[in-house]
Protein backbone atom coordinates (compact mmCIF):
# COMPACT_ATOMS: atom_id res chain seq x y z
CA UNK A 1 -157.20 -95.10 -32.77
CA UNK A 2 -154.61 -93.62 -30.46
CA UNK A 3 -154.08 -93.69 -26.72
CA UNK A 4 -156.94 -92.81 -24.44
CA UNK A 5 -159.97 -93.90 -26.47
CA UNK A 6 -161.93 -96.87 -25.12
CA UNK A 7 -164.92 -98.71 -26.55
CA UNK A 8 -166.94 -101.46 -24.86
CA UNK A 9 -168.93 -103.77 -27.12
CA UNK A 10 -171.19 -106.59 -25.96
CA UNK A 11 -172.93 -109.29 -28.02
CA UNK A 12 -171.77 -107.75 -31.29
CA UNK A 13 -172.48 -109.71 -34.50
CA UNK A 14 -169.14 -110.30 -36.20
CA UNK A 15 -168.49 -112.03 -39.49
CA UNK A 16 -165.58 -114.44 -39.83
CA UNK A 17 -165.17 -113.74 -43.54
CA UNK A 18 -161.58 -112.62 -43.25
CA UNK A 19 -159.11 -114.65 -45.28
CA UNK A 20 -155.62 -114.94 -43.85
CA UNK A 21 -153.14 -112.82 -45.76
CA UNK A 22 -150.12 -110.59 -45.94
CA UNK A 23 -147.48 -112.27 -43.83
CA UNK A 24 -144.42 -110.19 -43.15
CA UNK A 25 -142.90 -112.79 -40.91
CA UNK A 26 -140.75 -111.27 -38.20
CA UNK A 27 -137.58 -112.85 -36.97
CA UNK A 28 -138.34 -116.41 -35.91
CA UNK A 29 -140.55 -118.76 -37.82
CA UNK A 30 -143.06 -121.53 -37.77
CA UNK A 31 -143.07 -125.21 -38.59
CA UNK A 32 -146.23 -127.23 -38.81
CA UNK A 33 -148.74 -129.07 -40.92
CA UNK A 34 -152.08 -127.80 -39.62
CA UNK A 35 -153.49 -125.48 -42.25
CA UNK A 36 -156.65 -123.76 -43.38
CA UNK A 37 -157.06 -123.16 -47.11
CA UNK A 38 -158.64 -119.82 -47.87
CA UNK A 39 -158.76 -117.21 -50.60
CA UNK A 40 -159.12 -113.44 -50.27
CA UNK A 41 -162.79 -112.71 -49.81
CA UNK A 42 -163.82 -116.30 -49.11
CA UNK A 43 -165.79 -117.41 -46.02
CA UNK A 44 -164.43 -119.84 -43.46
CA UNK A 45 -167.76 -121.63 -43.64
CA UNK A 46 -171.05 -121.49 -41.73
CA UNK A 47 -173.02 -118.48 -40.54
CA UNK A 48 -171.33 -115.51 -38.95
CA UNK A 49 -171.31 -116.02 -35.19
CA UNK A 50 -172.33 -113.56 -32.55
CA UNK A 51 -169.33 -113.04 -30.29
CA UNK A 52 -169.49 -111.70 -26.78
CA UNK A 53 -167.03 -108.91 -27.47
CA UNK A 54 -166.83 -108.05 -23.80
CA UNK A 55 -164.03 -105.54 -24.16
CA UNK A 56 -162.03 -103.95 -26.94
CA UNK A 57 -159.56 -101.18 -26.22
CA UNK A 58 -158.77 -98.78 -29.03
CA UNK A 59 -155.26 -97.46 -28.74
CA UNK A 60 -152.61 -99.23 -26.73
CA UNK A 61 -152.60 -97.10 -23.60
CA UNK A 62 -150.88 -99.65 -21.40
CA UNK A 63 -154.25 -100.55 -19.85
CA UNK A 64 -157.13 -102.86 -20.64
CA UNK A 65 -160.76 -102.25 -19.70
CA UNK A 66 -162.14 -104.17 -16.78
CA UNK A 67 -165.16 -106.08 -18.10
CA UNK A 68 -167.16 -105.67 -14.90
CA UNK A 69 -166.61 -101.99 -14.21
CA UNK A 70 -165.56 -100.52 -17.54
CA UNK A 71 -162.57 -98.88 -15.87
CA UNK A 72 -158.93 -99.20 -16.92
CA UNK A 73 -157.01 -102.11 -15.38
CA UNK A 74 -153.62 -103.63 -16.11
CA UNK A 75 -153.10 -107.14 -17.39
CA UNK A 76 -151.44 -109.21 -14.66
CA UNK A 77 -147.87 -110.42 -14.92
CA UNK A 78 -147.74 -113.86 -16.51
CA UNK A 79 -151.08 -113.59 -18.30
CA UNK A 80 -151.13 -115.44 -21.62
CA UNK A 81 -152.13 -113.21 -24.53
CA UNK A 82 -152.11 -113.39 -28.32
CA UNK A 83 -150.09 -110.81 -30.25
CA UNK A 84 -151.40 -110.55 -33.82
CA UNK A 85 -150.62 -108.63 -36.99
CA UNK A 86 -153.75 -107.56 -38.87
CA UNK A 87 -154.03 -105.90 -42.27
CA UNK A 88 -157.35 -104.83 -43.76
CA UNK A 89 -159.14 -107.08 -41.34
CA UNK A 90 -157.08 -110.15 -42.18
CA UNK A 91 -154.69 -111.79 -39.73
CA UNK A 92 -151.19 -112.21 -41.10
CA UNK A 93 -149.52 -113.77 -38.07
CA UNK A 94 -150.25 -114.59 -34.44
CA UNK A 95 -147.90 -115.21 -31.51
CA UNK A 96 -148.63 -116.40 -28.00
CA UNK A 97 -146.90 -114.29 -25.35
CA UNK A 98 -146.84 -113.70 -21.60
CA UNK A 99 -147.21 -110.31 -19.95
CA UNK A 100 -144.01 -109.14 -18.25
CA UNK A 101 -145.29 -105.72 -17.23
CA UNK A 102 -148.24 -103.48 -18.05
CA UNK A 103 -148.15 -99.90 -16.81
CA UNK A 104 -148.24 -96.29 -17.93
CA UNK A 105 -145.13 -96.82 -20.06
CA UNK A 106 -146.74 -99.55 -22.12
CA UNK A 107 -147.09 -103.30 -22.49
CA UNK A 108 -144.06 -105.60 -22.24
CA UNK A 109 -144.44 -109.23 -23.34
CA UNK A 110 -142.23 -112.29 -23.66
CA UNK A 111 -142.39 -114.77 -26.56
CA UNK A 112 -140.50 -117.91 -25.57
CA UNK A 113 -138.77 -120.29 -27.93
CA UNK A 114 -141.20 -123.01 -29.08
CA UNK A 115 -144.27 -120.84 -28.33
CA UNK A 116 -147.25 -121.72 -30.56
CA UNK A 117 -147.64 -119.36 -33.51
CA UNK A 118 -149.52 -119.09 -36.78
CA UNK A 119 -148.24 -117.68 -40.06
CA UNK A 120 -149.87 -117.25 -43.42
CA UNK A 121 -148.42 -119.04 -46.40
CA UNK A 122 -149.65 -119.80 -49.89
CA UNK A 123 -150.71 -123.27 -50.99
CA UNK A 124 -147.14 -124.39 -51.71
CA UNK A 125 -145.88 -123.31 -48.29
CA UNK A 126 -144.13 -120.06 -49.23
CA UNK A 127 -144.71 -116.91 -47.21
CA UNK A 128 -145.30 -113.42 -48.54
CA UNK A 129 -141.65 -112.49 -48.22
CA UNK A 130 -140.56 -115.43 -50.38
CA UNK A 131 -142.05 -114.00 -53.55
CA UNK A 132 -142.84 -110.70 -55.29
CA UNK A 133 -145.83 -108.92 -53.78
CA UNK A 134 -147.43 -108.88 -57.25
CA UNK A 135 -147.50 -112.68 -57.12
CA UNK A 136 -148.64 -112.91 -53.50
CA UNK A 137 -151.81 -110.89 -54.05
CA UNK A 138 -153.01 -113.33 -56.73
CA UNK A 139 -152.71 -116.54 -54.68
CA UNK A 140 -154.75 -118.60 -52.29
CA UNK A 141 -153.49 -118.73 -48.73
CA UNK A 142 -153.44 -121.20 -45.89
CA UNK A 143 -152.77 -120.53 -42.23
CA UNK A 144 -149.91 -122.69 -40.97
CA UNK A 145 -149.74 -123.39 -37.26
CA UNK A 146 -146.35 -124.12 -35.78
CA UNK A 147 -143.86 -122.93 -33.17
CA UNK A 148 -141.54 -119.96 -32.69
CA UNK A 149 -138.16 -121.30 -33.77
CA UNK A 150 -135.93 -118.33 -32.98
CA UNK A 151 -134.55 -117.36 -29.56
CA UNK A 152 -137.00 -115.90 -27.09
CA UNK A 153 -137.83 -112.26 -27.73
CA UNK A 154 -138.98 -109.46 -25.44
CA UNK A 155 -141.42 -107.00 -27.05
CA UNK A 156 -142.36 -103.57 -25.72
CA UNK A 157 -145.40 -101.71 -27.10
CA UNK A 158 -145.03 -98.15 -25.77
CA UNK A 159 -148.16 -96.27 -24.78
CA UNK A 160 -149.69 -94.51 -27.80
CA UNK A 161 -146.66 -95.09 -30.04
CA UNK A 162 -146.62 -96.26 -33.66
CA UNK A 163 -143.88 -98.83 -33.09
CA UNK A 164 -142.75 -101.63 -30.83
CA UNK A 165 -139.23 -102.39 -29.61
CA UNK A 166 -137.93 -105.95 -29.57
CA UNK A 167 -134.92 -107.13 -27.56
CA UNK A 168 -133.29 -109.65 -29.89
CA UNK A 169 -131.03 -112.42 -28.56
CA UNK A 170 -128.29 -114.60 -29.89
CA UNK A 171 -128.35 -118.40 -29.89
CA UNK A 172 -127.06 -118.45 -26.31
CA UNK A 173 -129.88 -116.18 -25.14
CA UNK A 174 -127.80 -113.03 -24.62
CA UNK A 175 -129.01 -109.61 -25.79
CA UNK A 176 -127.74 -108.79 -29.29
CA UNK A 177 -129.63 -105.75 -30.61
CA UNK A 178 -132.90 -103.83 -30.66
CA UNK A 179 -135.38 -104.32 -33.48
CA UNK A 180 -137.89 -101.51 -33.96
CA UNK A 181 -141.05 -102.74 -35.63
CA UNK A 182 -142.90 -99.81 -37.17
CA UNK A 183 -146.64 -100.42 -36.80
CA UNK A 184 -150.00 -98.82 -36.14
CA UNK A 185 -150.78 -98.41 -32.46
CA UNK A 186 -152.11 -101.66 -31.02
CA UNK A 187 -155.76 -102.35 -30.27
CA UNK A 188 -156.43 -104.56 -27.26
CA UNK A 189 -159.21 -107.07 -26.84
CA UNK A 190 -160.37 -109.39 -24.08
CA UNK A 191 -163.30 -111.80 -24.03
CA UNK A 192 -164.17 -115.42 -23.26
CA UNK A 193 -161.14 -115.77 -21.03
CA UNK A 194 -158.59 -114.76 -23.68
CA UNK A 195 -156.87 -111.43 -24.33
CA UNK A 196 -154.68 -110.03 -27.04
CA UNK A 197 -153.45 -107.03 -28.97
CA UNK A 198 -153.82 -106.45 -32.72
CA UNK A 199 -151.31 -104.28 -34.57
CA UNK A 200 -150.82 -103.41 -38.23
CA UNK A 201 -147.22 -104.16 -39.21
CA UNK A 202 -146.02 -101.39 -41.54
CA UNK A 203 -143.11 -103.49 -42.84
CA UNK A 204 -140.32 -100.89 -42.73
CA UNK A 205 -138.20 -101.53 -39.63
CA UNK A 206 -135.10 -100.25 -37.86
CA UNK A 207 -132.26 -102.33 -36.46
CA UNK A 208 -130.29 -100.64 -33.65
CA UNK A 209 -127.07 -102.23 -32.46
CA UNK A 210 -125.83 -102.15 -28.89
CA UNK A 211 -123.23 -99.50 -29.86
CA UNK A 212 -125.98 -97.17 -31.13
CA UNK A 213 -125.40 -97.69 -34.85
CA UNK A 214 -128.58 -98.25 -36.83
CA UNK A 215 -129.96 -99.12 -40.25
CA UNK A 216 -133.29 -99.38 -42.02
CA UNK A 217 -134.57 -102.89 -42.69
CA UNK A 218 -136.87 -104.11 -45.49
CA UNK A 219 -136.75 -100.88 -47.50
CA UNK A 220 -137.10 -102.84 -50.74
CA UNK A 221 -140.25 -104.64 -49.63
CA UNK A 222 -141.71 -101.39 -48.35
CA UNK A 223 -141.16 -99.63 -51.69
CA UNK A 224 -142.47 -102.61 -53.68
CA UNK A 225 -145.73 -102.75 -51.76
CA UNK A 226 -146.27 -99.00 -51.77
CA UNK A 227 -146.45 -99.24 -55.57
CA UNK A 228 -149.68 -101.26 -55.16
CA UNK A 229 -151.78 -99.03 -52.89
CA UNK A 230 -155.02 -100.85 -53.68
CA UNK A 231 -153.59 -103.96 -52.00
CA UNK A 232 -151.32 -102.41 -49.38
CA UNK A 233 -152.16 -101.36 -45.82
CA UNK A 234 -149.76 -98.43 -45.41
CA UNK A 235 -151.38 -95.13 -46.32
CA UNK A 236 -148.77 -92.66 -45.08
CA UNK A 237 -145.20 -93.82 -45.74
CA UNK A 238 -143.78 -90.45 -44.69
CA UNK A 239 -145.30 -90.88 -41.23
CA UNK A 240 -143.80 -94.38 -40.98
CA UNK A 241 -140.32 -93.09 -41.80
CA UNK A 242 -140.74 -90.14 -39.42
CA UNK A 243 -141.61 -92.52 -36.59
CA UNK A 244 -138.51 -94.55 -37.35
CA UNK A 245 -136.30 -91.46 -37.25
CA UNK A 246 -137.90 -90.38 -33.97
CA UNK A 247 -137.07 -93.71 -32.35
CA UNK A 248 -133.52 -93.60 -33.71
CA UNK A 249 -133.05 -90.24 -31.98
CA UNK A 250 -134.13 -91.82 -28.67
CA UNK A 251 -131.50 -94.50 -29.18
CA UNK A 252 -128.85 -91.95 -30.16
CA UNK A 253 -129.40 -90.19 -26.84
CA UNK A 254 -129.56 -93.52 -24.97
CA UNK A 255 -133.01 -92.66 -23.66
CA UNK A 256 -135.56 -95.23 -22.47
CA UNK A 257 -135.96 -97.92 -23.60
CA UNK A 258 -132.50 -97.79 -25.20
CA UNK A 259 -130.73 -97.15 -21.90
CA UNK A 260 -129.99 -100.75 -20.97
CA UNK A 261 -133.44 -101.40 -19.54
CA UNK A 262 -134.46 -105.07 -19.79
CA UNK A 263 -131.31 -106.12 -21.66
CA UNK A 264 -130.64 -108.72 -18.99
CA UNK A 265 -134.25 -109.89 -18.67
CA UNK A 266 -134.82 -113.56 -17.96
CA UNK A 267 -138.34 -115.03 -17.80
CA UNK A 268 -139.48 -116.65 -14.56
CA UNK A 269 -138.60 -120.32 -14.46
CA UNK A 270 -142.17 -121.30 -13.60
CA UNK A 271 -143.59 -119.87 -16.83
CA UNK A 272 -144.73 -122.80 -18.95
CA UNK A 273 -144.81 -122.65 -22.74
CA UNK A 274 -148.32 -123.69 -23.76
CA UNK A 275 -148.41 -126.55 -26.28
CA UNK A 276 -151.08 -125.12 -28.61
CA UNK A 277 -152.67 -121.84 -29.57
CA UNK A 278 -155.47 -121.04 -27.11
CA UNK A 279 -159.11 -121.34 -28.12
CA UNK A 280 -160.27 -118.07 -29.67
CA UNK A 281 -156.84 -116.97 -30.93
CA UNK A 282 -158.29 -116.64 -34.44
CA UNK A 283 -161.25 -114.44 -33.49
CA UNK A 284 -161.99 -111.58 -35.93
CA UNK A 285 -159.86 -108.48 -35.82
CA UNK A 286 -160.43 -106.09 -32.93
CA UNK A 287 -159.58 -103.16 -35.18
CA UNK A 288 -162.89 -101.64 -36.39
CA UNK A 289 -161.23 -99.59 -39.11
CA UNK A 290 -159.74 -102.78 -40.57
CA UNK A 291 -163.00 -104.72 -40.70
CA UNK A 292 -163.80 -103.97 -44.33
C-alpha cells in the first residue's frame, strides 16, 4: 500500500463490525458527552450496509481518483476532509481538517482549534494512554465526540512516506516545533460527498525543535505495546525507527519540509470551523489490509 497504486470500488458490501479502539491521542484533545458503547468484536447494530465506495486510493500519492474518469485529481484547497487513525480495522481517532495544498509533494491540511473530533475512551472516560496497555485491551470502549482543544496544527503527509510532519504552535499561535508522527502511508477515500485519509499511527514519534535538536517521543509506550504483538498493530519496529532517523537527517540538513516552509502559515479568514463531524465520518476503514 505505497504510492502509485489505485483501486476503484463501487457498491461494495462493507460490514460495520469494527469496534472503536486503540487511541494514541495526539497533541490536542476532545471534550464531549456523545458516546457509543462498544466492545472489541461487537457489532454496532443492524445489518451490514452496502456502501457506494466510489473511490479509495491506496497509498498517499498526493492525488485522489476522480470518480467520473478514474484518473488522478487533486483535492481542492479548502475542501473539508476527515483525517483518521485506524488500527486493525478499528478507528482510534478522527479529526476534521481543511486541505491547504495537494500536489506531487503530498497533502497538507489544517486542523483549526475547536474543530470537531472523535477519540476512543473506555467506559470511565480514560483514553488508552491513561492506563497500561495490558489493561486497555481488556476493556469496553466508547467513542467520545468533542472538539480539538489545542492550538491549530498544520499536518503534511508526504507522498509515499511512512510519516507525517506537524507544525506545532504555542498558545499565541506562533510556530514552536515540528512533530513527526511515524505512521503507515495514508489511504485516501472519497464517496457520498465526503473525503478522508486513513493512517495507522505507529506510536513512536520524533520531536524536532526549531534549532534542529531532536528527541524520540513515546518510546516507553512503543516498547510496552510491542511486547503484546497479538494486540498491537506495528509489525516492524526496526522500520519505524529507521523512518524516524531518516526524517531526522532531513531536519539536520535543513531540507524540505524543515527549511522554514509553512512556519508562518495562517489559514484563510473565510474558512469556517464546522460545528459537528460530517455525515459519514465514521464509515468503515478504507484500508483493505486492516479490515480483519
